[in-house]
Amino acid sequence: MAHGEYQDTRLVELQNTLDYNNDSIDVARHSKASPVGIFSGITATTTGANISCTGCNGILIEYEATAITSGNLVVKLTGNVNSATGTFKDIYSTKTGSEVLYSTTITANQSRQVVFGPGLPDNVKVVSTKTTDGTLSLTAQPIHL
């Protein structure tokens, strides 16, 4: 600032208050959790371990599907709002009540990332259903959308 200029201290205080470095919740630094390996080369219908999505409202699924010659693999999320060890259920659309949300069908050898959310319960599991053939490796990362 040049000699004789006046800077409004209220503006400086406001800038400091809005700076994410002063945020006690630290949202800018906690927008995603660490990636979790769920499946590695599975060849049968499998349910993965619990993934804690507490503090996140979405999940990034990265998968690699190989050896699919006929049929498909279906990957979906199931959820439980109360515990990591209770019964996990399909998550349905509020519009139809019969459409399972957070599901993707893999019909060819491919490597992709899919984002599911927002609106996940605190605890989710990935379920992979195989119809005829195929191998699946999958990693999940809870994120904030």
C-alpha atoms as a PDB file:
ATOM      1  CA  MET A   1       0.000   0.000   0.000  1.00  0.00           C
ATOM      2  CA  ALA A   2       1.350   3.423  -0.930  1.00  0.00           C
ATOM      3  CA  HIS A   3       2.076   6.046   1.724  1.00  0.00           C
ATOM      4  CA  GLY A   4      -1.070   7.801   2.847  1.00  0.00           C
ATOM      5  CA  GLU A   5      -3.515   5.144   1.584  1.00  0.00           C
ATOM      6  CA  TYR A   6      -6.050   3.736   3.979  1.00  0.00           C
ATOM      7  CA  GLN A   7      -7.064   0.074   4.048  1.00  0.00           C
ATOM      8  CA  ASP A   8     -10.359  -0.792   5.669  1.00  0.00           C
ATOM      9  CA  THR A   9      -9.526  -3.264   8.460  1.00  0.00           C
ATOM     10  CA  ARG A  10     -13.029  -4.688   8.250  1.00  0.00           C
ATOM     11  CA  LEU A  11     -12.277  -5.918   4.719  1.00  0.00           C
ATOM     12  CA  VAL A  12      -9.085  -7.622   5.904  1.00  0.00           C
ATOM     13  CA  GLU A  13     -10.991  -9.265   8.780  1.00  0.00           C
ATOM     14  CA  LEU A  14     -13.674 -10.518   6.369  1.00  0.00           C
ATOM     15  CA  GLN A  15     -11.049 -11.926   3.989  1.00  0.00           C
ATOM     16  CA  ASN A  16      -9.338 -13.724   6.868  1.00  0.00           C
ATOM     17  CA  THR A  17     -12.654 -15.089   8.135  1.00  0.00           C
ATOM     18  CA  LEU A  18     -13.595 -16.509   4.722  1.00  0.00           C
ATOM     19  CA  ASP A  19     -10.161 -18.040   4.084  1.00  0.00           C
ATOM     20  CA  TYR A  20     -10.542 -21.860   4.058  1.00  0.00           C
ATOM     21  CA  ASN A  21      -7.307 -22.161   6.073  1.00  0.00           C
ATOM     22  CA  ASN A  22      -9.244 -20.750   9.031  1.00  0.00           C
ATOM     23  CA  ASP A  23     -12.162 -23.159   8.638  1.00  0.00           C
ATOM     24  CA  SER A  24     -12.510 -25.348  11.729  1.00  0.00           C
ATOM     25  CA  ILE A  25     -14.285 -28.029   9.669  1.00  0.00           C
ATOM     26  CA  ASP A  26     -11.605 -27.810   6.974  1.00  0.00           C
ATOM     27  CA  VAL A  27     -13.977 -28.704   4.148  1.00  0.00           C
ATOM     28  CA  ALA A  28     -11.395 -27.972   1.449  1.00  0.00           C
ATOM     29  CA  ARG A  29      -9.112 -30.685   2.780  1.00  0.00           C
ATOM     30  CA  HIS A  30     -11.683 -33.360   3.637  1.00  0.00           C
ATOM     31  CA  SER A  31     -13.653 -33.642   0.444  1.00  0.00           C
ATOM     32  CA  LYS A  32     -12.747 -37.298  -0.072  1.00  0.00           C
ATOM     33  CA  ALA A  33     -11.577 -40.317   1.860  1.00  0.00           C
ATOM     34  CA  SER A  34      -8.737 -42.669   1.023  1.00  0.00           C
ATOM     35  CA  PRO A  35      -9.288 -45.238  -1.741  1.00  0.00           C
ATOM     36  CA  VAL A  36     -10.202 -48.731  -0.543  1.00  0.00           C
ATOM     37  CA  GLY A  37      -9.444 -51.893  -2.530  1.00  0.00           C
ATOM     38  CA  ILE A  38     -12.656 -53.938  -2.595  1.00  0.00           C
ATOM     39  CA  PHE A  39     -12.169 -56.718  -5.176  1.00  0.00           C
ATOM     40  CA  SER A  40      -9.038 -58.049  -6.821  1.00  0.00           C
ATOM     41  CA  GLY A  41      -9.567 -60.470  -9.684  1.00  0.00           C
ATOM     42  CA  ILE A  42     -12.851 -61.953  -8.440  1.00  0.00           C
ATOM     43  CA  THR A  43     -14.584 -64.449 -10.716  1.00  0.00           C
ATOM     44  CA  ALA A  44     -17.780 -65.167  -8.744  1.00  0.00           C
ATOM     45  CA  THR A  45     -20.709 -63.203  -7.317  1.00  0.00           C
ATOM     46  CA  THR A  46     -19.237 -61.389  -4.308  1.00  0.00           C
ATOM     47  CA  THR A  47     -20.182 -58.834  -1.643  1.00  0.00           C
ATOM     48  CA  GLY A  48     -17.370 -56.566  -0.494  1.00  0.00           C
ATOM     49  CA  ALA A  49     -16.584 -55.322   2.996  1.00  0.00           C
ATOM     50  CA  ASN A  50     -18.245 -52.276   4.557  1.00  0.00           C
ATOM     51  CA  ILE A  51     -17.135 -48.883   3.258  1.00  0.00           C
ATOM     52  CA  SER A  52     -17.662 -45.984   5.646  1.00  0.00           C
ATOM     53  CA  CYS A  53     -19.086 -42.995   3.770  1.00  0.00           C
ATOM     54  CA  THR A  54     -19.601 -40.904   6.920  1.00  0.00           C
ATOM     55  CA  GLY A  55     -19.057 -37.261   5.981  1.00  0.00           C
ATOM     56  CA  CYS A  56     -19.250 -38.018   2.255  1.00  0.00           C
ATOM     57  CA  ASN A  57     -22.313 -38.051   0.019  1.00  0.00           C
ATOM     58  CA  GLY A  58     -20.913 -39.882  -2.974  1.00  0.00           C
ATOM     59  CA  ILE A  59     -18.531 -42.639  -3.932  1.00  0.00           C
ATOM     60  CA  LEU A  60     -16.137 -43.073  -6.850  1.00  0.00           C
ATOM     61  CA  ILE A  61     -15.923 -46.641  -8.118  1.00  0.00           C
ATOM     62  CA  GLU A  62     -12.969 -47.554 -10.314  1.00  0.00           C
ATOM     63  CA  TYR A  63     -13.081 -50.988 -11.895  1.00  0.00           C
ATOM     64  CA  GLU A  64     -11.386 -53.172 -14.448  1.00  0.00           C
ATOM     65  CA  ALA A  65     -13.425 -55.962 -16.036  1.00  0.00           C
ATOM     66  CA  THR A  66     -11.712 -58.628 -18.112  1.00  0.00           C
ATOM     67  CA  ALA A  67     -12.477 -62.053 -19.608  1.00  0.00           C
ATOM     68  CA  ILE A  68     -16.095 -61.180 -20.430  1.00  0.00           C
ATOM     69  CA  THR A  69     -17.066 -63.235 -23.484  1.00  0.00           C
ATOM     70  CA  SER A  70     -20.818 -63.510 -22.896  1.00  0.00           C
ATOM     71  CA  GLY A  71     -23.225 -62.243 -20.266  1.00  0.00           C
ATOM     72  CA  ASN A  72     -22.281 -59.419 -17.946  1.00  0.00           C
ATOM     73  CA  LEU A  73     -21.259 -58.282 -14.503  1.00  0.00           C
ATOM     74  CA  VAL A  74     -23.554 -56.042 -12.442  1.00  0.00           C
ATOM     75  CA  VAL A  75     -21.975 -53.800  -9.814  1.00  0.00           C
ATOM     76  CA  LYS A  76     -24.282 -52.114  -7.301  1.00  0.00           C
ATOM     77  CA  LEU A  77     -24.187 -50.474  -3.894  1.00  0.00           C
ATOM     78  CA  THR A  78     -26.200 -51.667  -0.931  1.00  0.00           C
ATOM     79  CA  GLY A  79     -26.563 -49.586   2.194  1.00  0.00           C
ATOM     80  CA  ASN A  80     -27.221 -49.557   5.918  1.00  0.00           C
ATOM     81  CA  VAL A  81     -27.941 -46.347   7.822  1.00  0.00           C
ATOM     82  CA  ASN A  82     -27.530 -47.828  11.305  1.00  0.00           C
ATOM     83  CA  SER A  83     -24.491 -50.046  11.420  1.00  0.00           C
ATOM     84  CA  ALA A  84     -21.531 -51.439   9.550  1.00  0.00           C
ATOM     85  CA  THR A  85     -22.481 -54.994  10.462  1.00  0.00           C
ATOM     86  CA  GLY A  86     -26.276 -55.132  10.028  1.00  0.00           C
ATOM     87  CA  THR A  87     -28.346 -56.060   6.994  1.00  0.00           C
ATOM     88  CA  PHE A  88     -27.452 -54.106   3.864  1.00  0.00           C
ATOM     89  CA  LYS A  89     -30.287 -53.349   1.464  1.00  0.00           C
ATOM     90  CA  ASP A  90     -30.669 -52.152  -2.120  1.00  0.00           C
ATOM     91  CA  ILE A  91     -31.109 -48.386  -2.440  1.00  0.00           C
ATOM     92  CA  TYR A  92     -34.254 -47.554  -4.420  1.00  0.00           C
ATOM     93  CA  SER A  93     -35.355 -44.445  -6.305  1.00  0.00           C
ATOM     94  CA  THR A  94     -37.957 -42.258  -4.597  1.00  0.00           C
ATOM     95  CA  LYS A  95     -39.542 -41.567  -8.002  1.00  0.00           C
ATOM     96  CA  THR A  96     -40.478 -45.122  -8.894  1.00  0.00           C
ATOM     97  CA  GLY A  97     -39.887 -47.090  -5.709  1.00  0.00           C
ATOM     98  CA  SER A  98     -38.755 -50.031  -7.830  1.00  0.00           C
ATOM     99  CA  GLU A  99     -35.636 -48.734  -9.606  1.00  0.00           C
ATOM    100  CA  VAL A 100     -32.414 -49.760  -7.884  1.00  0.00           C
ATOM    101  CA  LEU A 101     -30.084 -46.771  -7.712  1.00  0.00           C
ATOM    102  CA  TYR A 102     -26.300 -46.915  -7.815  1.00  0.00           C
ATOM    103  CA  SER A 103     -25.979 -49.854 -10.169  1.00  0.00           C
ATOM    104  CA  THR A 104     -24.020 -50.312 -13.386  1.00  0.00           C
ATOM    105  CA  THR A 105     -23.971 -53.215 -15.844  1.00  0.00           C
ATOM    106  CA  ILE A 106     -20.653 -54.182 -17.418  1.00  0.00           C
ATOM    107  CA  THR A 107     -21.074 -55.967 -20.745  1.00  0.00           C
ATOM    108  CA  ALA A 108     -17.555 -55.793 -22.186  1.00  0.00           C
ATOM    109  CA  ASN A 109     -13.938 -55.822 -21.111  1.00  0.00           C
ATOM    110  CA  GLN A 110     -13.313 -52.295 -19.869  1.00  0.00           C
ATOM    111  CA  SER A 111     -11.651 -50.089 -17.293  1.00  0.00           C
ATOM    112  CA  ARG A 112     -13.777 -47.208 -15.993  1.00  0.00           C
ATOM    113  CA  GLN A 113     -14.637 -44.887 -13.163  1.00  0.00           C
ATOM    114  CA  VAL A 114     -18.250 -44.382 -12.089  1.00  0.00           C
ATOM    115  CA  VAL A 115     -19.564 -41.862  -9.552  1.00  0.00           C
ATOM    116  CA  PHE A 116     -22.589 -42.808  -7.429  1.00  0.00           C
ATOM    117  CA  GLY A 117     -24.380 -40.194  -5.318  1.00  0.00           C
ATOM    118  CA  PRO A 118     -25.381 -37.936  -3.800  1.00  0.00           C
ATOM    119  CA  GLY A 119     -27.530 -39.498  -1.139  1.00  0.00           C
ATOM    120  CA  LEU A 120     -25.571 -42.417   0.264  1.00  0.00           C
ATOM    121  CA  PRO A 121     -26.044 -43.899   3.731  1.00  0.00           C
ATOM    122  CA  ASP A 122     -23.075 -43.915   6.130  1.00  0.00           C
ATOM    123  CA  ASN A 123     -22.321 -47.568   5.391  1.00  0.00           C
ATOM    124  CA  VAL A 124     -22.263 -49.146   1.933  1.00  0.00           C
ATOM    125  CA  LYS A 125     -21.087 -52.389   0.399  1.00  0.00           C
ATOM    126  CA  VAL A 126     -20.319 -53.131  -3.237  1.00  0.00           C
ATOM    127  CA  VAL A 127     -22.028 -56.229  -4.638  1.00  0.00           C
ATOM    128  CA  SER A 128     -20.783 -57.755  -7.880  1.00  0.00           C
ATOM    129  CA  THR A 129     -23.124 -60.229  -9.573  1.00  0.00           C
ATOM    130  CA  LYS A 130     -21.745 -62.395 -12.384  1.00  0.00           C
ATOM    131  CA  THR A 131     -24.099 -63.921 -14.948  1.00  0.00           C
ATOM    132  CA  THR A 132     -21.746 -66.159 -16.937  1.00  0.00           C
ATOM    133  CA  ASP A 133     -18.105 -65.100 -17.049  1.00  0.00           C
ATOM    134  CA  GLY A 134     -15.711 -62.290 -16.296  1.00  0.00           C
ATOM    135  CA  THR A 135     -13.111 -61.114 -13.802  1.00  0.00           C
ATOM    136  CA  LEU A 136     -13.439 -57.917 -11.787  1.00  0.00           C
ATOM    137  CA  SER A 137     -11.039 -55.729  -9.821  1.00  0.00           C
ATOM    138  CA  LEU A 138     -12.540 -52.732  -8.057  1.00  0.00           C
ATOM    139  CA  THR A 139     -11.473 -49.834  -5.825  1.00  0.00           C
ATOM    140  CA  ALA A 140     -13.849 -47.428  -4.064  1.00  0.00           C
ATOM    141  CA  GLN A 141     -13.255 -43.912  -2.743  1.00  0.00           C
ATOM    142  CA  PRO A 142     -15.892 -42.012  -0.720  1.00  0.00           C
ATOM    143  CA  ILE A 143     -16.113 -38.408  -1.970  1.00  0.00           C
ATOM    144  CA  HIS A 144     -18.084 -35.258  -1.296  1.00  0.00           C
ATOM    145  CA  LEU A 145     -20.113 -34.071  -4.296  1.00  0.00           C
END
